[in-house]
Amino acid sequence: MMNTLHGQGMAADILTSEVANARERIHRTELALQRTEEMLAENIALRGRIRTAVEAVVKIDPPSNRAG
């Protein structure tokens, strides 16, 4: 009977360790997702600034005015 209880204790320890590992992976994944969302927002904002700059240049010097 002692071996069975010891085996159950080891199984519980392994399960506890696996749950802790899974929680850590979830936490790292959540951080990566958050950073990805931040980078996407930064890229969208940058795209908007670049588009505004390009539109301003086109208004100042439309393609029809350029030598070609």
N, C-alpha and C. Protein backbone atom coordinates (compact mmCIF):
# COMPACT_ATOMS: atom_id res chain seq x y z
N MET A 1 0.83 -1.20 0.00
CA MET A 1 0.00 0.00 0.00
C MET A 1 0.87 1.26 0.00
N MET A 2 2.02 1.18 0.61
CA MET A 2 2.90 2.32 0.70
C MET A 2 3.38 2.75 -0.70
N ASN A 3 3.70 1.79 -1.55
CA ASN A 3 4.16 2.11 -2.90
C ASN A 3 3.06 2.81 -3.70
N THR A 4 1.84 2.40 -3.55
CA THR A 4 0.72 3.00 -4.28
C THR A 4 0.55 4.46 -3.86
N LEU A 5 0.62 4.73 -2.58
CA LEU A 5 0.48 6.11 -2.11
C LEU A 5 1.66 6.95 -2.58
N HIS A 6 2.84 6.36 -2.54
CA HIS A 6 4.03 7.09 -2.99
C HIS A 6 3.91 7.40 -4.49
N GLY A 7 3.41 6.44 -5.26
CA GLY A 7 3.20 6.65 -6.69
C GLY A 7 2.20 7.74 -6.97
N GLN A 8 1.15 7.78 -6.17
CA GLN A 8 0.15 8.84 -6.34
C GLN A 8 0.73 10.20 -6.00
N GLY A 9 1.58 10.23 -4.99
CA GLY A 9 2.24 11.49 -4.62
C GLY A 9 3.15 11.98 -5.73
N MET A 10 3.88 11.04 -6.35
CA MET A 10 4.75 11.41 -7.46
C MET A 10 3.93 11.91 -8.65
N ALA A 11 2.81 11.23 -8.91
CA ALA A 11 1.94 11.65 -10.01
C ALA A 11 1.38 13.05 -9.73
N ALA A 12 1.02 13.30 -8.49
CA ALA A 12 0.50 14.62 -8.13
C ALA A 12 1.59 15.67 -8.29
N ASP A 13 2.82 15.34 -7.92
CA ASP A 13 3.94 16.28 -8.08
C ASP A 13 4.18 16.59 -9.56
N ILE A 14 4.13 15.54 -10.37
CA ILE A 14 4.33 15.73 -11.81
C ILE A 14 3.21 16.60 -12.39
N LEU A 15 1.99 16.31 -11.99
CA LEU A 15 0.85 17.08 -12.47
C LEU A 15 0.97 18.54 -12.04
N THR A 16 1.36 18.76 -10.79
CA THR A 16 1.54 20.13 -10.29
C THR A 16 2.61 20.85 -11.10
N SER A 17 3.69 20.15 -11.40
CA SER A 17 4.77 20.74 -12.20
C SER A 17 4.29 21.06 -13.61
N GLU A 18 3.55 20.15 -14.21
CA GLU A 18 3.03 20.39 -15.56
C GLU A 18 2.07 21.56 -15.59
N VAL A 19 1.24 21.68 -14.58
CA VAL A 19 0.29 22.80 -14.51
C VAL A 19 1.07 24.11 -14.37
N ALA A 20 2.11 24.12 -13.55
CA ALA A 20 2.93 25.32 -13.38
C ALA A 20 3.60 25.69 -14.70
N ASN A 21 4.11 24.69 -15.41
CA ASN A 21 4.75 24.95 -16.70
C ASN A 21 3.74 25.50 -17.70
N ALA A 22 2.55 24.93 -17.72
CA ALA A 22 1.51 25.40 -18.63
C ALA A 22 1.13 26.84 -18.31
N ARG A 23 1.01 27.15 -17.04
CA ARG A 23 0.67 28.54 -16.65
C ARG A 23 1.75 29.51 -17.09
N GLU A 24 3.02 29.10 -16.95
CA GLU A 24 4.13 29.95 -17.37
C GLU A 24 4.11 30.15 -18.89
N ARG A 25 3.83 29.10 -19.64
CA ARG A 25 3.74 29.24 -21.10
C ARG A 25 2.58 30.16 -21.48
N ILE A 26 1.47 30.02 -20.80
CA ILE A 26 0.32 30.90 -21.06
C ILE A 26 0.70 32.35 -20.78
N HIS A 27 1.38 32.57 -19.67
CA HIS A 27 1.80 33.92 -19.30
C HIS A 27 2.73 34.51 -20.36
N ARG A 28 3.72 33.72 -20.80
CA ARG A 28 4.64 34.20 -21.84
C ARG A 28 3.91 34.48 -23.15
N THR A 29 2.95 33.64 -23.47
CA THR A 29 2.16 33.83 -24.69
C THR A 29 1.33 35.10 -24.60
N GLU A 30 0.74 35.35 -23.44
CA GLU A 30 -0.04 36.57 -23.25
C GLU A 30 0.83 37.81 -23.40
N LEU A 31 2.05 37.76 -22.85
CA LEU A 31 2.98 38.89 -22.99
C LEU A 31 3.36 39.10 -24.45
N ALA A 32 3.62 38.01 -25.15
CA ALA A 32 3.98 38.12 -26.57
C ALA A 32 2.82 38.68 -27.37
N LEU A 33 1.62 38.25 -27.07
CA LEU A 33 0.44 38.76 -27.77
C LEU A 33 0.24 40.25 -27.50
N GLN A 34 0.44 40.64 -26.25
CA GLN A 34 0.31 42.06 -25.89
C GLN A 34 1.34 42.90 -26.65
N ARG A 35 2.57 42.42 -26.72
CA ARG A 35 3.62 43.16 -27.43
C ARG A 35 3.30 43.22 -28.93
N THR A 36 2.78 42.13 -29.47
CA THR A 36 2.41 42.09 -30.88
C THR A 36 1.31 43.12 -31.16
N GLU A 37 0.33 43.20 -30.27
CA GLU A 37 -0.74 44.18 -30.45
C GLU A 37 -0.19 45.60 -30.38
N GLU A 38 0.76 45.84 -29.48
CA GLU A 38 1.38 47.17 -29.38
C GLU A 38 2.14 47.50 -30.65
N MET A 39 2.90 46.53 -31.17
CA MET A 39 3.66 46.77 -32.39
C MET A 39 2.72 47.02 -33.57
N LEU A 40 1.63 46.29 -33.65
CA LEU A 40 0.65 46.50 -34.71
C LEU A 40 0.07 47.91 -34.64
N ALA A 41 -0.27 48.35 -33.45
CA ALA A 41 -0.81 49.71 -33.28
C ALA A 41 0.23 50.75 -33.70
N GLU A 42 1.50 50.52 -33.35
CA GLU A 42 2.57 51.44 -33.74
C GLU A 42 2.71 51.47 -35.26
N ASN A 43 2.64 50.30 -35.89
CA ASN A 43 2.78 50.24 -37.35
C ASN A 43 1.61 50.91 -38.05
N ILE A 44 0.42 50.75 -37.52
CA ILE A 44 -0.75 51.40 -38.11
C ILE A 44 -0.62 52.92 -38.00
N ALA A 45 -0.15 53.38 -36.85
CA ALA A 45 0.05 54.83 -36.67
C ALA A 45 1.12 55.34 -37.62
N LEU A 46 2.21 54.60 -37.77
CA LEU A 46 3.28 55.00 -38.68
C LEU A 46 2.78 55.02 -40.12
N ARG A 47 2.00 54.03 -40.49
CA ARG A 47 1.42 53.99 -41.83
C ARG A 47 0.59 55.24 -42.10
N GLY A 48 -0.18 55.65 -41.12
CA GLY A 48 -0.99 56.85 -41.27
C GLY A 48 -0.14 58.09 -41.46
N ARG A 49 0.95 58.19 -40.70
CA ARG A 49 1.84 59.36 -40.84
C ARG A 49 2.53 59.36 -42.21
N ILE A 50 2.95 58.18 -42.67
CA ILE A 50 3.60 58.09 -43.97
C ILE A 50 2.61 58.45 -45.07
N ARG A 51 1.40 57.95 -44.97
CA ARG A 51 0.38 58.24 -45.98
C ARG A 51 0.09 59.74 -46.03
N THR A 52 -0.01 60.37 -44.87
CA THR A 52 -0.26 61.81 -44.82
C THR A 52 0.89 62.56 -45.49
N ALA A 53 2.12 62.14 -45.23
CA ALA A 53 3.28 62.79 -45.84
C ALA A 53 3.29 62.62 -47.35
N VAL A 54 2.99 61.42 -47.82
CA VAL A 54 2.96 61.16 -49.26
C VAL A 54 1.86 62.00 -49.92
N GLU A 55 0.71 62.06 -49.30
CA GLU A 55 -0.39 62.86 -49.87
C GLU A 55 0.00 64.34 -49.94
N ALA A 56 0.73 64.81 -48.93
CA ALA A 56 1.17 66.21 -48.94
C ALA A 56 2.15 66.45 -50.07
N VAL A 57 3.06 65.52 -50.31
CA VAL A 57 4.03 65.67 -51.39
C VAL A 57 3.32 65.65 -52.74
N VAL A 58 2.35 64.78 -52.89
CA VAL A 58 1.62 64.69 -54.16
C VAL A 58 0.85 65.99 -54.42
N LYS A 59 0.33 66.62 -53.38
CA LYS A 59 -0.39 67.89 -53.55
C LYS A 59 0.57 69.00 -53.98
N ILE A 60 1.79 68.98 -53.41
CA ILE A 60 2.77 70.01 -53.74
C ILE A 60 3.33 69.78 -55.14
N ASP A 61 3.61 68.53 -55.47
CA ASP A 61 4.23 68.20 -56.76
C ASP A 61 3.49 67.00 -57.37
N PRO A 62 2.33 67.25 -57.98
CA PRO A 62 1.57 66.15 -58.57
C PRO A 62 2.39 65.43 -59.63
N PRO A 63 2.11 64.15 -59.84
CA PRO A 63 2.87 63.38 -60.82
C PRO A 63 2.84 64.01 -62.22
N SER A 64 1.78 64.71 -62.58
CA SER A 64 1.66 65.32 -63.91
C SER A 64 2.65 66.46 -64.10
N ASN A 65 3.18 67.03 -63.02
CA ASN A 65 4.13 68.14 -63.09
C ASN A 65 5.56 67.67 -63.16
N ARG A 66 5.78 66.39 -62.95
CA ARG A 66 7.16 65.88 -62.91
C ARG A 66 7.67 65.60 -64.31
N ALA A 67 8.95 65.86 -64.48
CA ALA A 67 9.59 65.56 -65.76
C ALA A 67 9.68 64.06 -65.93
N GLY A 68 9.47 63.58 -67.10
CA GLY A 68 9.50 62.14 -67.23
C GLY A 68 9.93 61.64 -68.53
